[in-house]
C-alpha cells in the first residue's frame, strides 16, 4: 500500500541518516588519530601504522580487517621491504618480505604518474581500490596502462589486498600501505581519501627524516672525532669504539633474521653507530678514574657507571638518532641475568642492540692489554664469552658472535 511504502521510505531515510552520522564520526576519529600519529619519528610511525589501523577499525568501525602492511623503499637494497604489518591470522605467507621496483604495485604508480593526462582520476596515483579496477580498465585507452592495471589486479589478488595507498614525494615512491578485506562492508570513499591523507603525512615524515639525517651526519662525525680523541689519551683503549662498532656490525649481520632482532630496520648500520658512540659519555669522567692503573674504589666505579646515561644525554641533543640506537647505548652494560648496571633490565627487556654491544665490548676489553694484565688470546676470550652465555649475555647474540668469529670477522687487526 501507499502508506506502507511511505513508512518504509521514511524509516530507511532515518536509518541512512543515522548511518551517515556514524560514518562521519568514525572518519573524524580516524583523521584526528592520523594527525597525532605523524608527530613521531618516521621509523616508529611506519612500525605502528598497521597496528594503529587495525585497532582503529575494531574500536571505531566495529569490524576487523584481514591485515594492514607497510612496504618501505630501502635504498641500499633497491627494493621495497615489508617494514611492518598486523594481521588477524598468524599465517601471512601471502605477504612477501620484499617487492622489486619493477613489480606491479610500484610499477603502476610510476606509470600513473607519467600518464596523468591519460588517467581521468589523478587520485589513482594515490590510492587504488581493488573492486574499482575493472571499471577503471574499461575507461582507459592506453594499452600499456591497461596491461599494467591488469598486472596490478593479479598482484592485489595474490597479496589479498583490497586497498593500496601510495606514499610518495614528488615522483619518488617512498612507501606504500596495503589493507586486506574488511570483515563487514567495503571501504568507503571517505576512508580511502583519509588513507590518502595519511599516506601523504607518512611521505612527509620520511622525507623530513631524510633531511634530518643529512644534517645529523655532520654532527655525528664531530662526536666520533671527540670519542676518538678521548681514547687517544689511553694507549690501552685506543681504537676501542671503532673495534666495538666493527665487531657489533659483524654480529648484527648474523642476527637480521633472528627474533627479536628482526624488529630493527637496518640493524647492522644502527649497531655500528651505537658501537662508535657507546662510550662518548666518558668525556665527563675524570682522567684520574679513566687512566687509573689499579682497581677503582667504590666511589670511582659509581662515577664510571654513569657514562652510559651521559652518552645518551649527549646523543639526544642530535634529535634524529633512532630509538634503537639510543636504547643500545644507554643499556650496553646490562647483563642478561639482571646483575648489570643501568636500569637493572634482564633477559628480553634488554634492548637488542645493547645485547650485541655488551658482547663485543667485553670481547674487545678481554683482547686488549691493560696496565694490570696482558691481553687474552682471541680464542680464550671466545671461550669466556661462551661460558657466560645465558647469564651475562643473550645466548642468541653469543651464537651470532660464534658465527662471525668462525668467518674471521672478529680479528683485532685487519689488513
Protein backbone atom coordinates (compact mmCIF):
# COMPACT_ATOMS: atom_id res chain seq x y z
CA UNK A 1 0.00 0.00 0.00
CA UNK A 2 0.97 3.67 -0.35
CA UNK A 3 1.12 4.09 3.45
CA UNK A 4 3.30 1.02 3.81
CA UNK A 5 5.69 2.22 1.10
CA UNK A 6 5.84 5.68 2.66
CA UNK A 7 6.62 4.22 6.11
CA UNK A 8 9.38 2.05 4.62
CA UNK A 9 10.98 5.04 2.84
CA UNK A 10 10.67 7.18 5.98
CA UNK A 11 12.44 4.67 8.23
CA UNK A 12 15.00 3.85 5.53
CA UNK A 13 15.85 7.54 5.29
CA UNK A 14 16.18 7.78 9.08
CA UNK A 15 18.44 4.71 9.07
CA UNK A 16 20.62 6.15 6.29
CA UNK A 17 20.93 9.46 8.12
CA UNK A 18 21.98 7.70 11.34
CA UNK A 19 24.46 5.54 9.44
CA UNK A 20 25.87 8.64 7.71
CA UNK A 21 26.35 10.41 11.07
CA UNK A 22 28.11 7.32 12.47
CA UNK A 23 30.45 7.12 9.47
CA UNK A 24 31.28 10.82 9.77
CA UNK A 25 32.08 10.39 13.47
CA UNK A 26 34.24 7.35 12.74
CA UNK A 27 36.11 9.14 9.95
CA UNK A 28 36.71 12.17 12.15
CA UNK A 29 38.30 9.86 14.74
CA UNK A 30 40.48 8.34 12.02
CA UNK A 31 41.59 11.78 10.78
CA UNK A 32 42.32 13.00 14.30
CA UNK A 33 44.35 9.88 15.04
CA UNK A 34 46.39 10.33 11.85
CA UNK A 35 47.24 13.89 12.85
CA UNK A 36 48.67 12.73 16.17
CA UNK A 37 50.43 9.78 14.52
CA UNK A 38 52.70 11.95 12.37
CA UNK A 39 54.37 13.62 15.34
CA UNK A 40 56.69 10.65 15.95
CA UNK A 41 59.96 9.57 14.27
CA UNK A 42 59.27 8.17 10.80
CA UNK A 43 60.53 4.67 11.69
CA UNK A 44 58.24 4.47 14.71
CA UNK A 45 55.40 5.79 12.57
CA UNK A 46 55.88 3.09 9.93
CA UNK A 47 56.17 0.42 12.60
CA UNK A 48 53.00 1.47 14.39
CA UNK A 49 50.70 2.30 11.47
CA UNK A 50 49.44 -1.29 10.81
CA UNK A 51 48.56 -1.92 14.47
CA UNK A 52 47.02 1.54 14.70
CA UNK A 53 44.83 0.99 11.63
CA UNK A 54 43.60 -2.49 12.61
CA UNK A 55 42.86 -1.41 16.17
CA UNK A 56 41.04 1.68 14.97
CA UNK A 57 38.75 -0.35 12.71
CA UNK A 58 37.96 -2.71 15.58
CA UNK A 59 37.19 0.10 18.02
CA UNK A 60 35.62 2.78 15.83
CA UNK A 61 34.12 0.81 12.92
CA UNK A 62 33.29 -2.32 14.93
CA UNK A 63 34.88 -4.59 12.34
CA UNK A 64 38.15 -6.38 11.64
CA UNK A 65 40.32 -6.08 8.57
CA UNK A 66 42.36 -9.05 7.39
CA UNK A 67 45.65 -7.16 7.64
CA UNK A 68 47.45 -3.85 7.26
CA UNK A 69 51.02 -3.73 5.96
CA UNK A 70 53.61 -1.11 5.08
CA UNK A 71 56.32 -1.60 2.44
CA UNK A 72 59.22 0.87 2.57
CA UNK A 73 61.82 1.54 -0.12
CA UNK A 74 65.27 0.51 1.10
CA UNK A 75 67.84 2.43 -0.94
CA UNK A 76 70.67 0.05 -0.12
CA UNK A 77 68.74 -3.00 -1.27
CA UNK A 78 66.95 -1.12 -4.07
CA UNK A 79 63.64 -2.82 -3.26
CA UNK A 80 60.56 -2.36 -1.10
CA UNK A 81 60.82 -4.27 2.17
CA UNK A 82 57.98 -5.39 4.43
CA UNK A 83 58.64 -2.85 7.16
CA UNK A 84 55.70 -3.70 9.43
CA UNK A 85 52.35 -5.46 9.40
CA UNK A 86 49.45 -6.51 11.61
CA UNK A 87 47.30 -9.45 10.57
CA UNK A 88 44.22 -11.11 12.01
CA UNK A 89 45.67 -14.59 11.36
CA UNK A 90 49.17 -15.91 12.04
CA UNK A 91 49.73 -17.20 8.50
CA UNK A 92 50.95 -14.28 6.38
CA UNK A 93 52.80 -16.26 3.70
CA UNK A 94 50.97 -14.18 1.09
CA UNK A 95 52.98 -11.10 2.17
CA UNK A 96 56.49 -11.28 0.64
CA UNK A 97 59.41 -9.90 2.64
CA UNK A 98 60.40 -7.70 -0.28
CA UNK A 99 58.93 -6.36 -3.54
CA UNK A 100 61.00 -5.23 -6.51
CA UNK A 101 60.63 -1.78 -8.06
CA UNK A 102 59.53 -3.49 -11.28
CA UNK A 103 56.71 -5.45 -9.60
CA UNK A 104 53.10 -4.45 -10.48
CA UNK A 105 52.44 -2.48 -7.27
CA UNK A 106 55.30 0.05 -7.63
CA UNK A 107 55.17 -0.14 -11.44
CA UNK A 108 51.56 1.10 -11.57
CA UNK A 109 52.49 4.16 -9.51
CA UNK A 110 55.30 5.05 -11.93
CA UNK A 111 53.06 4.63 -14.96
CA UNK A 112 50.18 6.55 -13.34
CA UNK A 113 52.44 9.50 -12.53
CA UNK A 114 53.90 9.50 -16.05
CA UNK A 115 50.46 9.22 -17.70
CA UNK A 116 48.33 11.62 -15.66
CA UNK A 117 46.82 13.06 -18.85
CA UNK A 118 45.54 9.60 -19.80
CA UNK A 119 44.01 8.90 -16.39
CA UNK A 120 40.82 10.82 -15.69
CA UNK A 121 41.15 10.45 -11.93
CA UNK A 122 44.58 11.74 -10.73
CA UNK A 123 43.84 10.30 -7.27
CA UNK A 124 44.54 6.85 -8.73
CA UNK A 125 48.23 7.60 -8.29
CA UNK A 126 47.49 7.94 -4.54
CA UNK A 127 45.08 5.11 -3.76
CA UNK A 128 43.80 2.03 -5.57
CA UNK A 129 40.70 0.08 -4.57
CA UNK A 130 40.59 -3.45 -5.92
CA UNK A 131 36.86 -3.50 -6.66
CA UNK A 132 37.20 -0.43 -8.91
CA UNK A 133 39.97 -1.80 -11.15
CA UNK A 134 37.66 -3.29 -13.77
CA UNK A 135 35.72 -0.04 -14.05
CA UNK A 136 38.97 1.90 -14.45
CA UNK A 137 40.28 -0.53 -17.05
CA UNK A 138 37.13 -0.07 -19.15
CA UNK A 139 37.77 3.67 -19.26
CA UNK A 140 41.42 3.53 -20.34
CA UNK A 141 42.65 3.64 -23.92
CA UNK A 142 46.42 3.38 -23.38
CA UNK A 143 47.30 -0.29 -23.93
CA UNK A 144 50.40 -0.07 -21.71
CA UNK A 145 48.30 1.32 -18.85
CA UNK A 146 45.66 -1.36 -19.35
CA UNK A 147 48.34 -4.08 -19.25
CA UNK A 148 49.89 -2.52 -16.11
CA UNK A 149 46.47 -2.35 -14.48
CA UNK A 150 45.75 -6.00 -15.26
CA UNK A 151 49.06 -6.99 -13.66
CA UNK A 152 48.22 -4.81 -10.66
CA UNK A 153 44.87 -6.58 -10.30
CA UNK A 154 46.55 -10.02 -10.26
CA UNK A 155 49.15 -8.75 -7.78
CA UNK A 156 46.47 -7.40 -5.42
CA UNK A 157 44.66 -10.74 -5.62
CA UNK A 158 47.87 -12.56 -4.73
CA UNK A 159 48.51 -10.14 -1.84
CA UNK A 160 44.84 -10.32 -0.73
CA UNK A 161 44.80 -6.53 -0.80
CA UNK A 162 41.57 -4.55 -1.10
CA UNK A 163 43.30 -1.17 -0.95
CA UNK A 164 46.75 0.14 -1.80
CA UNK A 165 47.70 3.69 -0.83
CA UNK A 166 50.93 5.22 -2.14
CA UNK A 167 53.29 7.32 0.00
CA UNK A 168 55.23 9.47 -2.43
CA UNK A 169 57.30 12.63 -2.56
CA UNK A 170 57.30 14.34 -5.96
CA UNK A 171 57.81 11.37 -8.33
CA UNK A 172 59.54 9.12 -5.75
CA UNK A 173 57.54 6.26 -4.27
CA UNK A 174 58.89 6.14 -0.70
CA UNK A 175 56.47 3.51 0.65
CA UNK A 176 53.01 2.05 0.17
CA UNK A 177 50.38 0.66 2.50
CA UNK A 178 48.21 -2.39 1.81
CA UNK A 179 44.89 -3.11 3.51
CA UNK A 180 43.22 -6.52 3.46
CA UNK A 181 39.48 -7.16 3.28
CA UNK A 182 37.05 -5.63 5.74
CA UNK A 183 35.06 -8.23 7.66
CA UNK A 184 31.93 -6.07 7.33
CA UNK A 185 31.18 -3.98 4.26
CA UNK A 186 33.72 -2.36 1.99
CA UNK A 187 35.99 0.66 2.28
CA UNK A 188 34.08 3.90 1.67
CA UNK A 189 35.31 6.78 -0.45
CA UNK A 190 35.76 8.82 2.72
CA UNK A 191 38.01 6.14 4.22
CA UNK A 192 40.08 5.91 1.04
CA UNK A 193 40.52 9.70 0.98
CA UNK A 194 41.57 9.66 4.63
CA UNK A 195 44.14 6.94 3.96
CA UNK A 196 45.48 9.06 1.09
CA UNK A 197 45.94 11.91 3.58
CA UNK A 198 47.66 9.54 6.00
CA UNK A 199 49.96 8.35 3.19
CA UNK A 200 50.84 11.97 2.45
CA UNK A 201 51.73 12.53 6.11
CA UNK A 202 53.87 9.37 6.08
CA UNK A 203 55.69 10.67 2.99
CA UNK A 204 56.38 13.99 4.66
CA UNK A 205 57.66 12.23 7.80
CA UNK A 206 60.02 10.05 5.74
CA UNK A 207 61.26 13.00 3.68
CA UNK A 208 61.77 15.08 6.81
CA UNK A 209 63.73 12.18 8.32
CA UNK A 210 65.96 12.03 5.24
CA UNK A 211 66.75 15.73 5.52
CA UNK A 212 67.44 15.48 9.25
CA UNK A 213 69.75 12.52 8.68
CA UNK A 214 71.86 14.62 6.31
CA UNK A 215 72.24 17.32 8.97
CA UNK A 216 72.82 14.89 11.82
CA UNK A 217 75.59 13.07 9.94
CA UNK A 218 77.92 16.06 10.21
CA UNK A 219 77.26 16.28 13.96
CA UNK A 220 77.88 12.55 14.32
CA UNK A 221 81.23 12.85 12.58
CA UNK A 222 82.18 15.52 15.12
CA UNK A 223 81.06 13.31 18.03
CA UNK A 224 83.01 10.33 16.73
CA UNK A 225 86.08 12.56 16.43
CA UNK A 226 85.64 13.59 20.08
CA UNK A 227 85.35 9.93 21.11
CA UNK A 228 88.48 9.05 19.16
CA UNK A 229 90.40 11.89 20.81
CA UNK A 230 89.19 10.67 24.20
CA UNK A 231 90.54 7.17 23.54
CA UNK A 232 93.85 8.58 22.26
CA UNK A 233 94.63 9.62 25.86
CA UNK A 234 94.98 5.96 26.83
CA UNK A 235 97.11 3.60 24.75
CA UNK A 236 95.15 0.67 26.21
CA UNK A 237 91.76 1.83 24.90
CA UNK A 238 92.90 3.39 21.61
CA UNK A 239 90.60 2.26 18.80
CA UNK A 240 88.19 0.56 21.21
CA UNK A 241 84.96 2.17 19.91
CA UNK A 242 85.90 1.57 16.28
CA UNK A 243 86.50 -2.11 17.00
CA UNK A 244 83.28 -2.42 19.02
CA UNK A 245 81.43 -0.84 16.08
CA UNK A 246 83.06 -3.22 13.57
CA UNK A 247 82.56 -6.34 15.71
CA UNK A 248 78.99 -5.32 16.52
CA UNK A 249 78.11 -4.82 12.87
CA UNK A 250 79.51 -8.26 12.02
CA UNK A 251 77.37 -9.90 14.70
CA UNK A 252 74.29 -7.88 13.71
CA UNK A 253 74.58 -9.23 10.17
CA UNK A 254 74.18 -12.73 11.62
CA UNK A 255 71.07 -11.63 13.53
CA UNK A 256 68.99 -9.84 10.89
CA UNK A 257 66.66 -12.86 10.56
CA UNK A 258 66.62 -13.78 14.27
CA UNK A 259 63.80 -12.61 16.54
CA UNK A 260 63.68 -10.06 18.23
CA UNK A 261 66.49 -8.54 16.16
CA UNK A 262 64.26 -8.77 13.08
CA UNK A 263 62.22 -5.89 14.51
CA UNK A 264 65.00 -3.39 13.87
CA UNK A 265 65.29 -1.87 10.43
CA UNK A 266 68.93 -1.60 9.24
CA UNK A 267 70.22 -3.43 12.32
CA UNK A 268 73.90 -3.71 11.18
CA UNK A 269 74.19 0.03 10.47
CA UNK A 270 72.49 1.01 13.74
CA UNK A 271 74.66 -1.37 15.75
CA UNK A 272 77.75 0.12 14.11
CA UNK A 273 76.63 3.62 15.09
CA UNK A 274 75.84 2.54 18.66
CA UNK A 275 79.31 0.99 18.88
CA UNK A 276 81.00 4.20 17.78
CA UNK A 277 79.12 6.28 20.36
CA UNK A 278 78.60 3.90 23.28
CA UNK A 279 81.42 5.39 25.39
CA UNK A 280 81.12 9.05 24.38
CA UNK A 281 79.75 9.80 27.87
CA UNK A 282 83.19 9.03 29.34
CA UNK A 283 84.12 12.55 28.32
CA UNK A 284 82.53 13.55 31.64
CA UNK A 285 84.55 11.06 33.71
CA UNK A 286 87.74 12.27 35.38
CA UNK A 287 91.04 11.22 33.76
CA UNK A 288 92.21 10.08 37.18
CA UNK A 289 89.48 7.41 37.01
CA UNK A 290 89.72 6.53 33.32
CA UNK A 291 93.51 6.22 33.36
CA UNK A 292 93.89 4.67 36.82
CA UNK A 293 96.17 1.62 36.54
CA UNK A 294 94.78 -0.15 39.60
CA UNK A 295 91.39 -1.20 40.89
CA UNK A 296 88.75 1.53 41.19
CA UNK A 297 87.29 2.48 44.55
CA UNK A 298 83.54 2.04 45.06
CA UNK A 299 83.00 5.77 44.60
CA UNK A 300 85.12 5.84 41.43
CA UNK A 301 83.23 2.88 39.99
CA UNK A 302 79.89 4.60 40.67
CA UNK A 303 81.17 7.62 38.76
CA UNK A 304 82.21 5.39 35.83
CA UNK A 305 78.79 3.69 35.84
CA UNK A 306 77.17 6.99 34.89
CA UNK A 307 78.79 7.07 31.44
CA UNK A 308 76.04 5.16 29.52
CA UNK A 309 73.42 7.68 30.67
CA UNK A 310 75.81 10.54 29.92
CA UNK A 311 76.32 9.10 26.41
CA UNK A 312 72.55 9.04 25.96
CA UNK A 313 72.18 12.67 27.01
CA UNK A 314 74.86 13.74 24.53
CA UNK A 315 73.35 11.98 21.52
CA UNK A 316 69.79 13.00 22.43
CA UNK A 317 70.78 16.56 21.61
CA UNK A 318 71.03 15.49 17.95
CA UNK A 319 67.32 14.66 17.87
CA UNK A 320 67.19 12.34 14.85
CA UNK A 321 69.08 9.36 16.30
CA UNK A 322 66.75 6.35 16.26
CA UNK A 323 65.30 4.98 19.46
CA UNK A 324 67.02 1.60 18.96
CA UNK A 325 70.46 3.25 18.85
CA UNK A 326 69.70 5.37 21.93
CA UNK A 327 68.47 2.33 23.86
CA UNK A 328 71.50 0.31 22.77
CA UNK A 329 73.88 2.95 24.10
CA UNK A 330 72.04 3.51 27.37
CA UNK A 331 71.78 -0.20 28.24
CA UNK A 332 75.05 -1.70 26.96
CA UNK A 333 76.24 -2.57 30.48
CA UNK A 334 73.11 -4.56 31.40
CA UNK A 335 73.56 -8.30 31.94
CA UNK A 336 71.21 -10.99 30.73
CA UNK A 337 70.56 -12.20 34.29
CA UNK A 338 69.79 -8.67 35.52
CA UNK A 339 73.00 -8.11 37.52
CA UNK A 340 74.41 -5.41 35.25
CA UNK A 341 74.03 -1.66 35.67
CA UNK A 342 71.79 0.90 34.04
CA UNK A 343 68.09 0.22 34.55
CA UNK A 344 68.62 -3.25 36.00
CA UNK A 345 66.94 -4.85 32.98
CA UNK A 346 67.24 -8.57 32.31
CA UNK A 347 66.54 -11.05 29.52
CA UNK A 348 64.16 -9.90 26.80
CA UNK A 349 63.78 -6.49 28.47
CA UNK A 350 67.33 -5.54 27.46
CA UNK A 351 67.22 -3.67 24.11
CA UNK A 352 68.53 -5.87 21.23
CA UNK A 353 71.40 -3.58 20.17
CA UNK A 354 72.54 -3.30 23.80
CA UNK A 355 72.81 -7.11 23.94
CA UNK A 356 75.14 -7.07 20.93
CA UNK A 357 77.28 -4.19 22.23
CA UNK A 358 77.59 -5.94 25.61
CA UNK A 359 79.19 -8.98 23.95
CA UNK A 360 81.65 -7.14 21.71
CA UNK A 361 82.52 -4.54 24.38
CA UNK A 362 83.59 -7.36 26.69
CA UNK A 363 85.36 -9.23 23.88
CA UNK A 364 87.44 -6.18 22.93
CA UNK A 365 88.26 -5.46 26.58
CA UNK A 366 89.48 -9.05 27.07
CA UNK A 367 91.62 -8.98 23.92
CA UNK A 368 93.21 -5.62 24.83
CA UNK A 369 96.21 -5.05 27.09
CA UNK A 370 95.54 -3.42 30.43
CA UNK A 371 98.05 -1.91 32.92
CA UNK A 372 97.33 -4.79 35.32
CA UNK A 373 97.23 -7.68 32.78
CA UNK A 374 98.15 -8.75 29.28
CA UNK A 375 95.51 -9.27 26.63
CA UNK A 376 93.81 -12.65 26.33
CA UNK A 377 94.10 -14.51 23.06
CA UNK A 378 91.05 -14.27 20.80
CA UNK A 379 90.32 -17.97 21.33
CA UNK A 380 90.43 -17.71 25.14
CA UNK A 381 88.21 -14.62 25.03
CA UNK A 382 85.76 -16.52 22.80
CA UNK A 383 85.62 -19.37 25.33
CA UNK A 384 84.92 -16.89 28.13
CA UNK A 385 82.12 -15.25 26.13
CA UNK A 386 80.52 -18.67 25.63
CA UNK A 387 81.00 -19.61 29.29
CA UNK A 388 78.79 -16.74 30.45
CA UNK A 389 76.19 -17.11 27.71
CA UNK A 390 72.75 -17.04 29.32
CA UNK A 391 73.99 -15.28 32.45
CA UNK A 392 75.93 -12.23 31.27
CA UNK A 393 74.99 -12.37 27.59
CA UNK A 394 71.99 -13.16 25.38
CA UNK A 395 72.51 -16.72 24.02
CA UNK A 396 71.31 -15.61 20.57
CA UNK A 397 73.88 -12.82 20.48
CA UNK A 398 76.59 -15.29 21.56
CA UNK A 399 75.56 -17.72 18.84
CA UNK A 400 75.85 -14.92 16.29
CA UNK A 401 79.21 -13.99 17.82
CA UNK A 402 80.43 -17.54 17.22
CA UNK A 403 79.31 -17.43 13.57
CA UNK A 404 81.04 -14.11 12.95
CA UNK A 405 84.17 -15.39 14.75
CA UNK A 406 84.25 -18.53 12.58
CA UNK A 407 84.13 -16.32 9.47
CA UNK A 408 87.13 -14.32 10.68
CA UNK A 409 85.10 -11.14 11.17
CA UNK A 410 86.29 -10.50 14.75
CA UNK A 411 90.00 -10.12 14.16
CA UNK A 412 91.52 -7.28 16.15
CA UNK A 413 93.87 -6.26 13.38
CA UNK A 414 92.52 -6.07 9.84
CA UNK A 415 94.79 -5.65 6.87
